[in-house]
Amino acid sequence: MTAPPAKPARPRAADTASRTQTGGLAKAADTFIVAAAALDGLAALSMAAVSLSLVVMSLTRVYAAFVTFEAPETMLLDAVSSLVISVAILDVAKYVMEEEVLRSRELRMPHEAREAVTKFMVIIALVVSIEGIVLVFELGKDRPAMLVYPVLLLSVSVLIVVGLGVFQRLSLKSEARLSRGSAEDAQD
């Protein structure tokens, strides 16, 4: 005797509720991701507007330095400082727009994380070092006792670069280990 054919299982109420909740969570997650990308885009555009404003202010300072001849060096150094900060803000805005809005993805590979951190830290190191140099020139003539602060700022920029070098070395080693492990797994 053969057994009668099995009836297809009916979905239980708990299974249906589970699928409905999962679908609702997925929609909520998608909505959150879109909202976060929109907020990141708005923040990037705002930073770009602030950067543009700083550039305009810097050009105004340069013009004023040549027209009034009142402390032109100070005005020009202030303009350089504002320009450096505006470039850094624009770079951060560009980074946010590229990584968070346009690509809208997580960093999945170690080299992507390394490259992203490197870009960001190079921007920070450049801003800190240029600001330190500008302060050395500003304070060097009038207040040499205050040169300790720009020297500390320059020291911090050196530490940032050294830290970035250590990060690069360690992350490259880990990437090499991961690729060797992947190659060994593929052979098995």
Protein backbone atom coordinates (compact mmCIF):
# COMPACT_ATOMS: atom_id res chain seq x y z
CA MET A 1 0.00 0.00 0.00
CA THR A 2 1.13 3.40 -0.84
CA ALA A 3 0.59 6.38 1.31
CA PRO A 4 -1.82 8.98 0.07
CA PRO A 5 -0.19 12.06 -1.49
CA ALA A 6 0.70 14.72 1.05
CA LYS A 7 -1.42 17.78 1.09
CA PRO A 8 0.42 21.01 0.53
CA ALA A 9 1.09 22.66 3.84
CA ARG A 10 -1.02 25.67 4.56
CA PRO A 11 0.86 28.70 5.68
CA ARG A 12 0.39 29.19 9.35
CA ALA A 13 -0.72 32.53 10.70
CA ALA A 14 2.63 32.99 12.47
CA ASP A 15 4.55 32.49 9.19
CA THR A 16 2.37 35.02 7.37
CA ALA A 17 2.77 37.55 10.17
CA SER A 18 6.53 37.02 10.16
CA ARG A 19 6.75 37.69 6.41
CA THR A 20 4.57 40.78 6.77
CA GLN A 21 6.77 42.13 9.57
CA THR A 22 9.93 41.44 7.57
CA GLY A 23 8.48 43.28 4.57
CA GLY A 24 7.51 46.18 6.80
CA LEU A 25 10.99 46.31 8.29
CA ALA A 26 12.55 46.24 4.84
CA LYS A 27 10.35 49.15 3.73
CA ALA A 28 11.23 51.08 6.88
CA ALA A 29 14.92 50.40 6.32
CA ASP A 30 14.68 51.52 2.68
CA THR A 31 12.85 54.69 3.72
CA PHE A 32 15.48 55.40 6.36
CA ILE A 33 18.31 54.90 3.84
CA VAL A 34 16.67 57.30 1.37
CA ALA A 35 16.05 59.87 4.12
CA ALA A 36 19.65 59.58 5.34
CA ALA A 37 20.96 60.03 1.78
CA ALA A 38 18.75 63.10 1.35
CA LEU A 39 20.02 64.54 4.64
CA ASP A 40 23.61 63.79 3.65
CA GLY A 41 23.00 65.51 0.31
CA LEU A 42 21.54 68.55 2.04
CA ALA A 43 24.51 68.67 4.41
CA ALA A 44 26.96 68.40 1.49
CA LEU A 45 25.21 71.20 -0.40
CA SER A 46 25.20 73.34 2.74
CA MET A 47 28.92 72.76 3.21
CA ALA A 48 29.52 73.70 -0.42
CA ALA A 49 27.56 76.92 0.12
CA VAL A 50 29.62 77.74 3.23
CA SER A 51 32.79 77.01 1.26
CA LEU A 52 31.70 79.34 -1.54
CA SER A 53 30.90 82.04 1.02
CA LEU A 54 34.38 81.72 2.50
CA VAL A 55 35.91 82.06 -0.97
CA VAL A 56 33.90 85.24 -1.57
CA MET A 57 34.99 86.60 1.82
CA SER A 58 38.61 85.78 1.00
CA LEU A 59 38.41 87.60 -2.31
CA THR A 60 36.88 90.57 -0.50
CA ARG A 61 39.80 90.56 1.96
CA VAL A 62 42.33 90.42 -0.87
CA TYR A 63 40.60 93.35 -2.59
CA ALA A 64 40.50 95.30 0.68
CA ALA A 65 44.20 94.60 1.29
CA PHE A 66 45.15 96.12 -2.05
CA VAL A 67 42.77 99.07 -1.81
CA THR A 68 43.33 100.21 1.78
CA PHE A 69 46.94 99.13 2.34
CA GLU A 70 46.11 98.82 6.06
CA ALA A 71 47.98 95.75 7.30
CA PRO A 72 47.88 94.04 3.89
CA GLU A 73 49.95 91.09 5.11
CA THR A 74 47.50 90.31 7.88
CA MET A 75 44.53 90.61 5.54
CA LEU A 76 46.19 88.39 2.95
CA LEU A 77 47.11 85.76 5.54
CA ASP A 78 43.52 85.83 6.79
CA ALA A 79 42.39 85.34 3.20
CA VAL A 80 44.72 82.38 2.77
CA SER A 81 43.45 80.88 6.01
CA SER A 82 39.85 81.26 4.87
CA LEU A 83 40.65 79.77 1.47
CA VAL A 84 42.34 76.76 3.04
CA ILE A 85 39.37 76.16 5.29
CA SER A 86 36.97 76.60 2.36
CA VAL A 87 38.87 74.03 0.29
CA ALA A 88 38.78 71.59 3.21
CA ILE A 89 35.05 72.11 3.68
CA LEU A 90 34.48 71.63 -0.04
CA ASP A 91 36.54 68.42 -0.01
CA VAL A 92 34.51 67.07 2.89
CA ALA A 93 31.29 68.03 1.08
CA LYS A 94 32.54 66.28 -2.06
CA TYR A 95 33.46 63.19 -0.04
CA VAL A 96 30.02 63.07 1.62
CA MET A 97 28.27 63.55 -1.71
CA GLU A 98 30.33 60.86 -3.48
CA GLU A 99 30.37 58.24 -0.73
CA GLU A 100 27.02 58.68 0.99
CA VAL A 101 24.66 60.13 -1.63
CA LEU A 102 25.77 59.14 -5.12
CA ARG A 103 27.17 55.70 -4.31
CA SER A 104 24.81 55.14 -1.38
CA ARG A 105 26.50 51.97 -0.30
CA GLU A 106 28.42 50.57 2.57
CA LEU A 107 32.15 50.02 2.42
CA ARG A 108 32.29 46.30 1.75
CA MET A 109 35.93 45.74 0.96
CA PRO A 110 38.89 46.61 3.22
CA HIS A 111 40.64 48.59 0.49
CA GLU A 112 37.53 50.79 0.09
CA ALA A 113 37.58 51.62 3.80
CA ARG A 114 41.32 52.33 3.65
CA GLU A 115 40.90 54.64 0.68
CA ALA A 116 38.00 56.51 2.29
CA VAL A 117 39.84 57.02 5.57
CA THR A 118 42.99 58.06 3.70
CA LYS A 119 41.12 60.69 1.68
CA PHE A 120 39.50 62.14 4.76
CA MET A 121 42.65 62.16 6.90
CA VAL A 122 44.75 63.73 4.14
CA ILE A 123 42.24 66.58 4.00
CA ILE A 124 42.44 67.04 7.76
CA ALA A 125 46.26 66.87 7.81
CA LEU A 126 46.53 69.45 5.03
CA VAL A 127 44.16 71.86 6.71
CA VAL A 128 45.85 71.57 10.08
CA SER A 129 49.35 72.01 8.63
CA ILE A 130 48.46 74.96 6.42
CA GLU A 131 46.62 76.64 9.28
CA GLY A 132 49.72 76.11 11.45
CA ILE A 133 51.95 77.68 8.79
CA VAL A 134 49.63 80.66 8.42
CA LEU A 135 49.63 81.14 12.21
CA VAL A 136 53.45 80.99 12.27
CA PHE A 137 53.56 83.90 9.83
CA GLU A 138 50.84 85.85 11.64
CA LEU A 139 52.27 85.47 15.12
CA GLY A 140 55.96 85.43 14.20
CA LYS A 141 56.29 89.19 13.82
CA ASP A 142 53.94 90.58 16.45
CA ARG A 143 53.74 87.96 19.18
CA PRO A 144 56.64 85.49 19.04
CA ALA A 145 55.76 84.15 22.50
CA MET A 146 52.54 82.78 20.99
CA LEU A 147 54.44 80.66 18.43
CA VAL A 148 54.04 77.66 20.74
CA TYR A 149 50.45 77.19 19.53
CA PRO A 150 51.16 77.04 15.79
CA VAL A 151 54.13 74.76 16.47
CA LEU A 152 51.81 72.45 18.42
CA LEU A 153 49.37 72.60 15.51
CA LEU A 154 52.15 71.63 13.09
CA SER A 155 53.17 68.82 15.45
CA VAL A 156 49.59 67.54 15.43
CA SER A 157 49.60 67.54 11.63
CA VAL A 158 52.80 65.47 11.69
CA LEU A 159 51.16 63.04 14.14
CA ILE A 160 48.15 62.78 11.83
CA VAL A 161 50.41 61.88 8.89
CA VAL A 162 52.38 59.36 10.98
CA GLY A 163 49.12 57.84 12.24
CA LEU A 164 47.86 57.63 8.67
CA GLY A 165 51.06 55.86 7.65
CA VAL A 166 50.64 53.32 10.47
CA PHE A 167 47.00 52.84 9.47
CA GLN A 168 48.02 52.29 5.83
CA ARG A 169 50.67 49.75 6.77
CA LEU A 170 48.40 47.79 9.09
CA SER A 171 45.45 47.81 6.70
CA LEU A 172 47.62 46.69 3.77
CA LYS A 173 48.92 43.81 5.88
CA SER A 174 45.39 42.78 6.80
CA GLU A 175 44.28 43.04 3.16
CA ALA A 176 47.18 40.79 2.15
CA ARG A 177 46.20 38.27 4.84
CA LEU A 178 42.58 38.35 3.70
CA SER A 179 43.53 37.82 0.06
CA ARG A 180 45.84 34.91 1.00
CA GLY A 181 43.04 33.40 3.07
CA SER A 182 40.59 33.80 0.18
CA ALA A 183 43.05 32.21 -2.23
CA GLU A 184 43.58 29.27 0.13
CA ASP A 185 39.83 28.86 0.56
CA ALA A 186 39.37 28.87 -3.22
CA GLN A 187 41.98 26.10 -3.59
CA ASP A 188 40.20 23.90 -1.06
